[in-house]
């Protein structure tokens, strides 16, 4: 039978309707996931079309998934981070939502204080267990949307829940019914979707959710969770690892609207950011992130990375204030005590720092030669150099100009006697067996000595 597809507005065969495959034993995809070997990437050469939605946005899990991986934040820290996210997301709410725990008194106090700020974005949502009492708690708090866990791989259904697929499906649907009864919009977290039987469980389950949603008149949001980071962004990759296939399949075979579709990834195989961008490209409006990528194991999709990805894909920051990324990094370092790995893009201490003398020479002539973009303007992080045995005269000159904030008329070049003197001192330090880097204090003391106070006023 033919019918008009709501996704493509074309006549399509509607025979591609998938029923639950209630198998007696779990399908663990041992050919792809042998456990005693590195997971395999299988190709089937099937392509699905790119279909980026008209609008895309970011959602945040820093205060839920992220907070589970560090020392719990204080109420004050949660409020401060919420305000920083709101500023970063801008007036159009590109950072659309953030999720809170609600179980402890501290959790609820932080939620209330954030809500009392009266900020439109990010919208406050929650994450709860799928129980009647928890849905009532969310409803009483006046929260519109909540996340619930609906694990969808046989690893979880058979091994963790000790259920069959049919039992799990019925259990999940009864939980969603409780959300509808409480008048709360459920966000179903399809945990471990990249190890799930997509057509044997995921699609039939989501189809049932969509029917329930239509009958109840309450939307259901679908969060596709790449819990173990197994997702692969390449075209023609076979399910269940194909990110394009998962997003396309949920839209095409389960009629999930793009605005109700969200990707949540982890970085176990270094693909978190690329997978999230791929989810946008193939039809998900939302990608779920955490600040600095802090999250379970290797972490979540870094929120700041997706701010930059958004601007790359859309051609504009659309009101987002990327300089707040640097403020967030400083807050984590100084107020929370979190040590950011120095080479972390956009937020690490060394992300736009060069040690090589030839690179520093290029920076001195034109910073665009060795800086990824105008980091001073966009992130409020000017490029800098670090002095070591490979810095060279140009690197030293650049460091002095940068460290003392010398204007164009005051700036020195690599022929300056102070620069030559510092180079001779550095060479002697490392020829003498030094292994450690030079501290700013050491360098400034030596400059003071060699310049007879020339820079002391600065």
Protein backbone atom coordinates (compact mmCIF):
# COMPACT_ATOMS: atom_id res chain seq x y z
CA UNK A 1 0.00 0.00 0.00
CA UNK A 2 1.18 3.53 -0.77
CA UNK A 3 0.88 6.59 1.42
CA UNK A 4 2.32 10.09 1.55
CA UNK A 5 5.30 10.20 3.92
CA UNK A 6 5.12 13.07 6.44
CA UNK A 7 8.92 13.19 6.34
CA UNK A 8 9.52 13.43 2.59
CA UNK A 9 6.05 14.36 1.27
CA UNK A 10 6.48 11.60 -1.31
CA UNK A 11 4.47 8.46 -2.00
CA UNK A 12 6.17 5.59 -0.21
CA UNK A 13 5.40 1.97 0.54
CA UNK A 14 4.08 1.69 4.07
CA UNK A 15 5.01 -1.96 4.36
CA UNK A 16 8.15 -1.01 6.25
CA UNK A 17 6.46 -1.32 9.60
CA UNK A 18 8.50 -3.22 12.14
CA UNK A 19 7.10 -5.47 14.87
CA UNK A 20 8.76 -6.39 18.13
CA UNK A 21 11.02 -9.40 17.81
CA UNK A 22 10.66 -11.04 21.22
CA UNK A 23 13.59 -13.44 20.99
CA UNK A 24 14.40 -15.97 23.76
CA UNK A 25 18.12 -15.11 23.96
CA UNK A 26 19.85 -11.73 23.78
CA UNK A 27 21.44 -10.50 20.58
CA UNK A 28 24.78 -9.16 21.79
CA UNK A 29 26.25 -8.53 18.31
CA UNK A 30 29.34 -10.55 19.16
CA UNK A 31 30.63 -10.11 15.61
CA UNK A 32 30.79 -6.36 16.23
CA UNK A 33 31.46 -6.41 19.97
CA UNK A 34 33.72 -9.38 20.75
CA UNK A 35 34.73 -7.83 24.11
CA UNK A 36 38.15 -9.50 24.09
CA UNK A 37 38.99 -7.52 20.98
CA UNK A 38 38.48 -3.95 19.71
CA UNK A 39 34.91 -3.39 18.45
CA UNK A 40 34.47 -3.75 14.70
CA UNK A 41 32.95 -1.26 12.25
CA UNK A 42 30.79 -3.01 9.67
CA UNK A 43 29.66 -1.44 6.38
CA UNK A 44 26.54 -2.35 4.42
CA UNK A 45 26.88 0.43 1.78
CA UNK A 46 23.37 1.75 2.41
CA UNK A 47 23.12 5.51 2.32
CA UNK A 48 20.53 7.72 3.94
CA UNK A 49 20.01 11.37 2.96
CA UNK A 50 21.32 14.30 4.93
CA UNK A 51 18.42 16.33 6.27
CA UNK A 52 19.42 19.03 8.73
CA UNK A 53 16.39 20.61 10.43
CA UNK A 54 15.59 24.28 9.95
CA UNK A 55 16.55 24.90 13.57
CA UNK A 56 19.17 23.09 15.64
CA UNK A 57 20.08 23.60 19.28
CA UNK A 58 22.07 22.35 22.26
CA UNK A 59 20.80 20.82 25.49
CA UNK A 60 22.87 20.39 28.61
CA UNK A 61 23.45 17.57 31.10
CA UNK A 62 26.27 19.15 33.15
CA UNK A 63 24.19 19.12 36.33
CA UNK A 64 23.03 15.51 35.80
CA UNK A 65 25.36 13.23 33.83
CA UNK A 66 28.28 15.61 34.26
CA UNK A 67 27.83 16.02 38.01
CA UNK A 68 27.90 12.24 38.48
CA UNK A 69 31.55 12.26 37.41
CA UNK A 70 32.98 14.91 39.75
CA UNK A 71 32.53 16.03 43.33
CA UNK A 72 28.94 17.29 43.67
CA UNK A 73 28.56 20.99 42.97
CA UNK A 74 27.34 23.31 45.70
CA UNK A 75 24.08 25.19 45.29
CA UNK A 76 26.04 28.37 44.62
CA UNK A 77 28.14 26.66 41.94
CA UNK A 78 25.06 25.23 40.22
CA UNK A 79 23.45 28.67 40.13
CA UNK A 80 26.63 30.26 38.79
CA UNK A 81 27.01 27.62 36.06
CA UNK A 82 23.36 28.03 35.10
CA UNK A 83 23.83 31.80 34.70
CA UNK A 84 26.98 31.29 32.63
CA UNK A 85 25.15 28.82 30.36
CA UNK A 86 22.33 31.30 29.89
CA UNK A 87 24.77 34.03 28.85
CA UNK A 88 26.63 31.66 26.54
CA UNK A 89 23.41 30.48 24.87
CA UNK A 90 22.35 34.02 24.03
CA UNK A 91 18.92 35.60 23.66
CA UNK A 92 17.61 32.99 21.21
CA UNK A 93 18.28 30.07 23.51
CA UNK A 94 20.65 28.05 21.36
CA UNK A 95 21.42 26.29 24.65
CA UNK A 96 17.79 25.32 25.00
CA UNK A 97 17.54 23.15 28.13
CA UNK A 98 19.46 21.78 31.09
CA UNK A 99 18.51 18.89 33.35
CA UNK A 100 18.56 18.71 37.15
CA UNK A 101 18.35 16.00 39.76
CA UNK A 102 15.46 16.50 42.18
CA UNK A 103 15.96 13.90 44.89
CA UNK A 104 17.92 15.74 47.59
CA UNK A 105 17.09 18.93 49.40
CA UNK A 106 20.18 20.51 47.84
CA UNK A 107 19.07 19.51 44.34
CA UNK A 108 15.66 21.10 44.80
CA UNK A 109 17.13 24.23 46.41
CA UNK A 110 19.48 24.70 43.44
CA UNK A 111 16.61 24.16 41.00
CA UNK A 112 14.41 26.71 42.77
CA UNK A 113 17.20 29.31 42.92
CA UNK A 114 17.91 28.91 39.22
CA UNK A 115 14.23 29.18 38.40
CA UNK A 116 13.91 32.30 40.59
CA UNK A 117 16.42 34.04 38.29
CA UNK A 118 13.63 34.29 35.73
CA UNK A 119 15.86 33.36 32.80
CA UNK A 120 14.05 32.06 29.74
CA UNK A 121 16.93 29.82 28.66
CA UNK A 122 18.09 27.21 29.32
CA UNK A 123 14.73 25.71 30.31
CA UNK A 124 14.96 23.61 33.47
CA UNK A 125 14.09 19.94 33.04
CA UNK A 126 14.70 16.95 35.30
CA UNK A 127 15.79 13.34 35.24
CA UNK A 128 13.97 10.79 37.41
CA UNK A 129 13.24 7.14 38.00
CA UNK A 130 10.13 5.93 36.24
CA UNK A 131 7.81 5.79 39.26
CA UNK A 132 4.46 7.37 40.02
CA UNK A 133 5.89 9.18 43.06
CA UNK A 134 8.73 10.69 41.01
CA UNK A 135 6.38 11.94 38.29
CA UNK A 136 4.23 13.55 40.98
CA UNK A 137 7.33 15.19 42.45
CA UNK A 138 8.20 16.69 39.05
CA UNK A 139 4.61 17.83 38.54
CA UNK A 140 4.51 19.45 42.00
CA UNK A 141 7.72 21.32 41.18
CA UNK A 142 6.05 22.73 38.10
CA UNK A 143 8.52 21.18 35.67
CA UNK A 144 7.19 20.63 32.15
CA UNK A 145 9.54 17.88 30.95
CA UNK A 146 11.49 15.06 32.56
CA UNK A 147 13.88 12.40 31.38
CA UNK A 148 13.29 8.73 32.12
CA UNK A 149 15.59 5.79 31.47
CA UNK A 150 14.42 3.23 28.89
CA UNK A 151 17.43 1.02 28.18
CA UNK A 152 17.08 -0.55 24.76
CA UNK A 153 19.94 -2.98 24.12
CA UNK A 154 19.76 -6.66 25.01
CA UNK A 155 22.80 -6.09 27.22
CA UNK A 156 20.54 -4.06 29.48
CA UNK A 157 17.19 -5.77 28.90
CA UNK A 158 18.39 -9.34 29.43
CA UNK A 159 21.49 -8.87 31.60
CA UNK A 160 20.62 -5.88 33.81
CA UNK A 161 16.81 -5.86 33.95
CA UNK A 162 16.52 -9.64 33.66
CA UNK A 163 13.52 -9.22 31.33
CA UNK A 164 12.49 -10.25 27.85
CA UNK A 165 12.07 -7.60 25.18
CA UNK A 166 8.27 -7.80 25.51
CA UNK A 167 8.46 -7.40 29.29
CA UNK A 168 10.80 -4.43 28.94
CA UNK A 169 8.57 -2.79 26.33
CA UNK A 170 5.48 -3.19 28.52
CA UNK A 171 7.38 -1.88 31.55
CA UNK A 172 8.57 1.20 29.68
CA UNK A 173 5.15 1.95 28.20
CA UNK A 174 3.55 1.75 31.65
CA UNK A 175 6.15 4.29 32.89
CA UNK A 176 5.31 6.67 30.05
CA UNK A 177 1.61 6.24 30.87
CA UNK A 178 2.40 7.41 34.42
CA UNK A 179 4.05 10.52 32.98
CA UNK A 180 0.97 11.25 30.88
CA UNK A 181 -1.22 10.70 33.93
CA UNK A 182 0.81 13.29 35.82
CA UNK A 183 0.62 15.69 32.88
CA UNK A 184 4.41 15.64 32.39
CA UNK A 185 6.13 15.43 29.02
CA UNK A 186 8.46 12.39 29.04
CA UNK A 187 11.90 12.47 27.46
CA UNK A 188 12.74 8.82 26.85
CA UNK A 189 16.47 8.12 27.18
CA UNK A 190 17.09 5.14 24.87
CA UNK A 191 20.18 3.96 26.69
CA UNK A 192 22.79 1.95 24.75
CA UNK A 193 21.11 2.44 21.37
CA UNK A 194 24.35 1.63 19.49
CA UNK A 195 24.19 -1.97 20.77
CA UNK A 196 20.43 -2.36 20.34
CA UNK A 197 18.44 -4.33 17.77
CA UNK A 198 17.21 -1.28 15.88
CA UNK A 199 14.42 -2.85 13.84
CA UNK A 200 13.69 -5.68 16.27
CA UNK A 201 13.21 -3.51 19.36
CA UNK A 202 13.97 0.21 19.01
CA UNK A 203 11.66 1.05 16.10
CA UNK A 204 8.69 -1.04 17.36
CA UNK A 205 9.10 0.49 20.83
CA UNK A 206 9.29 4.06 19.55
CA UNK A 207 6.30 3.41 17.29
CA UNK A 208 4.28 2.49 20.39
CA UNK A 209 5.48 5.65 22.10
CA UNK A 210 4.37 7.77 19.19
CA UNK A 211 0.90 6.15 19.24
CA UNK A 212 0.58 6.76 22.98
CA UNK A 213 1.72 10.35 22.50
CA UNK A 214 -0.90 10.97 19.84
CA UNK A 215 -3.65 9.43 21.96
CA UNK A 216 -2.64 11.41 25.06
CA UNK A 217 -2.08 14.70 23.23
CA UNK A 218 1.27 15.04 25.00
CA UNK A 219 4.56 15.04 23.05
CA UNK A 220 7.22 12.41 23.74
CA UNK A 221 10.86 13.33 23.22
CA UNK A 222 13.32 10.66 22.11
CA UNK A 223 16.92 10.89 23.28
CA UNK A 224 19.14 8.45 21.39
CA UNK A 225 21.91 7.60 23.85
CA UNK A 226 25.25 6.36 22.59
CA UNK A 227 26.07 5.27 26.12
CA UNK A 228 29.35 3.54 25.32
CA UNK A 229 30.54 5.83 22.52
CA UNK A 230 30.22 3.11 19.87
CA UNK A 231 28.48 5.38 17.35
CA UNK A 232 30.17 5.88 13.97
CA UNK A 233 29.53 8.95 11.77
CA UNK A 234 30.66 7.49 8.43
CA UNK A 235 28.21 6.95 5.60
CA UNK A 236 27.36 3.37 4.61
CA UNK A 237 28.08 1.96 8.10
CA UNK A 238 25.71 -0.79 9.22
CA UNK A 239 23.41 -0.54 12.21
CA UNK A 240 23.51 -0.54 15.16
CA UNK A 241 26.66 1.64 15.05
CA UNK A 242 25.55 4.03 12.30
CA UNK A 243 24.65 7.49 13.62
CA UNK A 244 23.11 8.53 10.27
CA UNK A 245 21.13 5.27 10.22
CA UNK A 246 19.81 5.72 13.76
CA UNK A 247 18.66 9.31 13.26
CA UNK A 248 17.20 8.66 9.81
CA UNK A 249 15.50 5.48 11.02
CA UNK A 250 13.83 7.14 13.99
CA UNK A 251 12.50 9.87 11.74
CA UNK A 252 11.56 7.72 8.76
CA UNK A 253 10.27 4.52 10.34
CA UNK A 254 8.93 5.89 13.63
CA UNK A 255 7.84 9.37 12.48
CA UNK A 256 9.69 11.11 15.31
CA UNK A 257 9.67 14.85 14.49
CA UNK A 258 13.11 16.43 14.37
CA UNK A 259 12.24 18.79 17.22
CA UNK A 260 11.52 15.76 19.42
CA UNK A 261 14.77 14.00 18.54
CA UNK A 262 17.97 14.41 20.54
CA UNK A 263 21.43 12.80 20.44
CA UNK A 264 23.42 12.02 23.60
CA UNK A 265 26.95 10.70 23.04
CA UNK A 266 30.09 9.70 24.90
CA UNK A 267 33.71 10.03 23.85
CA UNK A 268 35.12 6.53 24.43
CA UNK A 269 36.39 6.30 20.83
CA UNK A 270 37.11 10.02 20.26
CA UNK A 271 33.98 10.45 18.13
CA UNK A 272 31.66 12.37 20.47
CA UNK A 273 31.77 15.75 18.70
CA UNK A 274 31.67 14.32 15.18
CA UNK A 275 28.80 12.00 16.09
CA UNK A 276 26.83 14.90 17.56
CA UNK A 277 27.36 16.99 14.43
CA UNK A 278 26.29 14.02 12.33
CA UNK A 279 23.08 13.72 14.36
CA UNK A 280 22.33 17.36 13.50
CA UNK A 281 23.09 16.77 9.82
CA UNK A 282 20.77 13.78 9.55
CA UNK A 283 17.75 15.29 11.28
CA UNK A 284 18.01 15.67 15.06
CA UNK A 285 17.30 19.18 16.28
CA UNK A 286 19.10 18.72 19.61
CA UNK A 287 22.46 17.43 20.76
CA UNK A 288 22.94 16.82 24.47
CA UNK A 289 26.23 18.04 25.96
CA UNK A 290 28.02 18.85 29.19
CA UNK A 291 30.35 21.71 30.05
CA UNK A 292 33.97 20.78 29.28
CA UNK A 293 32.71 17.33 28.26
CA UNK A 294 32.67 16.23 31.90
CA UNK A 295 30.75 12.99 32.18
CA UNK A 296 30.84 9.24 32.63
CA UNK A 297 34.18 7.56 31.77
CA UNK A 298 35.71 9.55 28.88
CA UNK A 299 32.97 12.15 29.13
CA UNK A 300 30.06 13.55 27.19
CA UNK A 301 29.98 15.78 24.14
CA UNK A 302 31.70 19.03 25.22
CA UNK A 303 29.14 21.83 25.12
CA UNK A 304 31.70 24.45 24.16
CA UNK A 305 32.74 22.30 21.19
CA UNK A 306 29.18 22.21 19.88
CA UNK A 307 28.92 26.00 20.20
CA UNK A 308 31.81 26.21 17.75
CA UNK A 309 30.34 23.40 15.59
CA UNK A 310 27.03 25.26 15.47
CA UNK A 311 28.73 28.39 14.15
CA UNK A 312 30.71 26.32 11.65
CA UNK A 313 27.58 24.63 10.27
CA UNK A 314 25.23 27.63 10.37
CA UNK A 315 27.68 30.39 9.54
CA UNK A 316 26.86 32.40 12.66
CA UNK A 317 26.85 32.15 16.44
CA UNK A 318 23.24 33.41 16.33
CA UNK A 319 23.61 35.50 19.46
CA UNK A 320 25.74 33.11 21.48
CA UNK A 321 28.54 34.82 23.40
CA UNK A 322 31.54 32.53 22.91
CA UNK A 323 33.73 34.64 25.24
CA UNK A 324 31.73 33.08 28.09
CA UNK A 325 33.45 29.78 27.25
CA UNK A 326 36.65 31.24 28.68
CA UNK A 327 34.77 32.45 31.77
CA UNK A 328 33.35 28.95 32.26
CA UNK A 329 36.82 27.42 32.00
CA UNK A 330 38.15 29.93 34.54
CA UNK A 331 35.21 29.20 36.86
CA UNK A 332 35.86 25.46 36.79
CA UNK A 333 39.52 26.04 37.51
CA UNK A 334 39.31 28.69 40.22
CA UNK A 335 35.89 28.15 41.84
CA UNK A 336 35.40 24.41 41.50
CA UNK A 337 39.03 23.28 41.50
CA UNK A 338 38.66 21.21 38.34
CA UNK A 339 41.91 20.71 36.44
CA UNK A 340 41.32 21.08 32.70
CA UNK A 341 43.80 19.07 30.61
CA UNK A 342 46.02 21.76 29.08
CA UNK A 343 45.61 20.67 25.44
CA UNK A 344 41.79 20.62 25.55
CA UNK A 345 40.47 22.61 22.55
CA UNK A 346 39.08 26.10 23.31
CA UNK A 347 39.44 25.83 27.12
CA UNK A 348 42.81 24.24 27.91
CA UNK A 349 45.72 26.35 29.05
CA UNK A 350 47.76 25.39 25.98
CA UNK A 351 45.10 25.19 23.28
CA UNK A 352 46.42 28.29 21.45
CA UNK A 353 49.93 28.31 22.90
CA UNK A 354 52.97 27.47 20.77
CA UNK A 355 56.34 26.26 22.00
CA UNK A 356 58.10 25.90 18.66
CA UNK A 357 60.35 28.78 17.72
CA UNK A 358 59.42 28.68 14.03
CA UNK A 359 55.72 28.91 14.96
CA UNK A 360 56.37 31.80 17.29
CA UNK A 361 58.21 33.56 14.47
CA UNK A 362 55.08 33.17 12.36
CA UNK A 363 52.88 34.51 15.18
CA UNK A 364 55.13 37.51 15.52
CA UNK A 365 54.73 38.31 11.83
CA UNK A 366 50.99 37.52 11.60
CA UNK A 367 49.10 35.51 14.23
CA UNK A 368 46.75 34.17 11.56
CA UNK A 369 49.56 31.94 10.31
CA UNK A 370 49.48 29.73 13.41
CA UNK A 371 46.21 30.51 15.21
CA UNK A 372 43.01 28.60 14.32
CA UNK A 373 40.85 31.76 14.31
CA UNK A 374 40.82 35.09 16.13
CA UNK A 375 40.77 33.51 19.57
CA UNK A 376 41.18 36.93 21.19
CA UNK A 377 37.96 38.25 19.64
CA UNK A 378 35.86 35.08 19.73
CA UNK A 379 36.97 33.51 23.02
CA UNK A 380 38.76 36.39 24.73
CA UNK A 381 41.90 34.22 24.61
CA UNK A 382 44.77 35.80 22.68
CA UNK A 383 47.35 33.37 21.28
CA UNK A 384 50.49 33.02 23.32
CA UNK A 385 53.80 31.20 23.40
CA UNK A 386 55.54 29.19 26.11
CA UNK A 387 59.28 29.56 26.52
CA UNK A 388 61.40 26.42 26.37
CA UNK A 389 64.62 25.26 24.77
CA UNK A 390 62.95 25.32 21.34
CA UNK A 391 61.42 28.80 21.59
CA UNK A 392 64.02 30.78 19.68
CA UNK A 393 64.43 34.56 19.56
CA UNK A 394 61.05 35.14 17.90
CA UNK A 395 59.25 33.16 20.58
CA UNK A 396 60.91 35.15 23.33
CA UNK A 397 60.03 38.46 21.67
CA UNK A 398 56.42 37.35 21.23
CA UNK A 399 56.24 36.21 24.87
CA UNK A 400 57.53 39.57 26.16
CA UNK A 401 55.13 41.57 23.97
CA UNK A 402 52.21 39.38 25.02
CA UNK A 403 53.06 39.05 28.71
CA UNK A 404 53.60 42.79 29.20
CA UNK A 405 50.75 43.76 26.85
CA UNK A 406 53.03 46.02 24.83
CA UNK A 407 51.33 48.23 22.27
CA UNK A 408 52.40 48.22 18.64
CA UNK A 409 54.64 51.23 19.24
CA UNK A 410 56.24 49.63 22.34
CA UNK A 411 56.63 46.11 20.95
CA UNK A 412 60.13 44.68 20.66
CA UNK A 413 61.50 42.32 18.02
CA UNK A 414 63.92 39.42 18.12
CA UNK A 415 66.94 41.70 17.68
CA UNK A 416 66.35 43.45 21.02
CA UNK A 417 69.28 42.98 23.50
CA UNK A 418 66.89 41.74 26.20
CA UNK A 419 65.58 39.05 23.87
CA UNK A 420 69.12 37.94 23.01
CA UNK A 421 70.05 37.90 26.69
CA UNK A 422 67.02 35.78 27.61
CA UNK A 423 67.86 33.34 24.78
CA UNK A 424 71.41 32.92 26.09
CA UNK A 425 70.06 32.33 29.62
CA UNK A 426 67.52 29.73 28.44
CA UNK A 427 70.18 27.88 26.43
CA UNK A 428 72.45 27.68 29.50
CA UNK A 429 69.57 26.42 31.67
CA UNK A 430 68.83 23.50 29.37
CA UNK A 431 72.47 22.78 28.52
CA UNK A 432 72.95 22.42 32.28
CA UNK A 433 70.47 19.54 32.36
CA UNK A 434 67.21 21.32 33.16
CA UNK A 435 64.12 19.27 32.28
CA UNK A 436 61.25 21.40 33.60
CA UNK A 437 59.54 24.30 31.83
CA UNK A 438 60.29 27.90 32.70
CA UNK A 439 57.79 29.63 34.96
CA UNK A 440 56.46 33.12 34.29
CA UNK A 441 57.97 34.31 37.59
CA UNK A 442 61.44 33.07 36.62
CA UNK A 443 61.30 34.70 33.22
CA UNK A 444 60.05 38.02 34.59
CA UNK A 445 62.84 38.09 37.18
CA UNK A 446 65.45 37.51 34.49
CA UNK A 447 63.91 40.18 32.23
CA UNK A 448 63.98 42.61 35.16
CA UNK A 449 67.65 41.84 35.72
CA UNK A 450 68.66 42.16 32.06
CA UNK A 451 66.57 45.24 31.25
CA UNK A 452 67.57 47.37 34.26
CA UNK A 453 63.89 47.90 35.13
CA UNK A 454 62.85 48.72 31.58
CA UNK A 455 59.59 46.75 31.96
CA UNK A 456 59.02 47.31 35.68
CA UNK A 457 56.36 49.97 35.07
CA UNK A 458 54.31 47.30 33.27
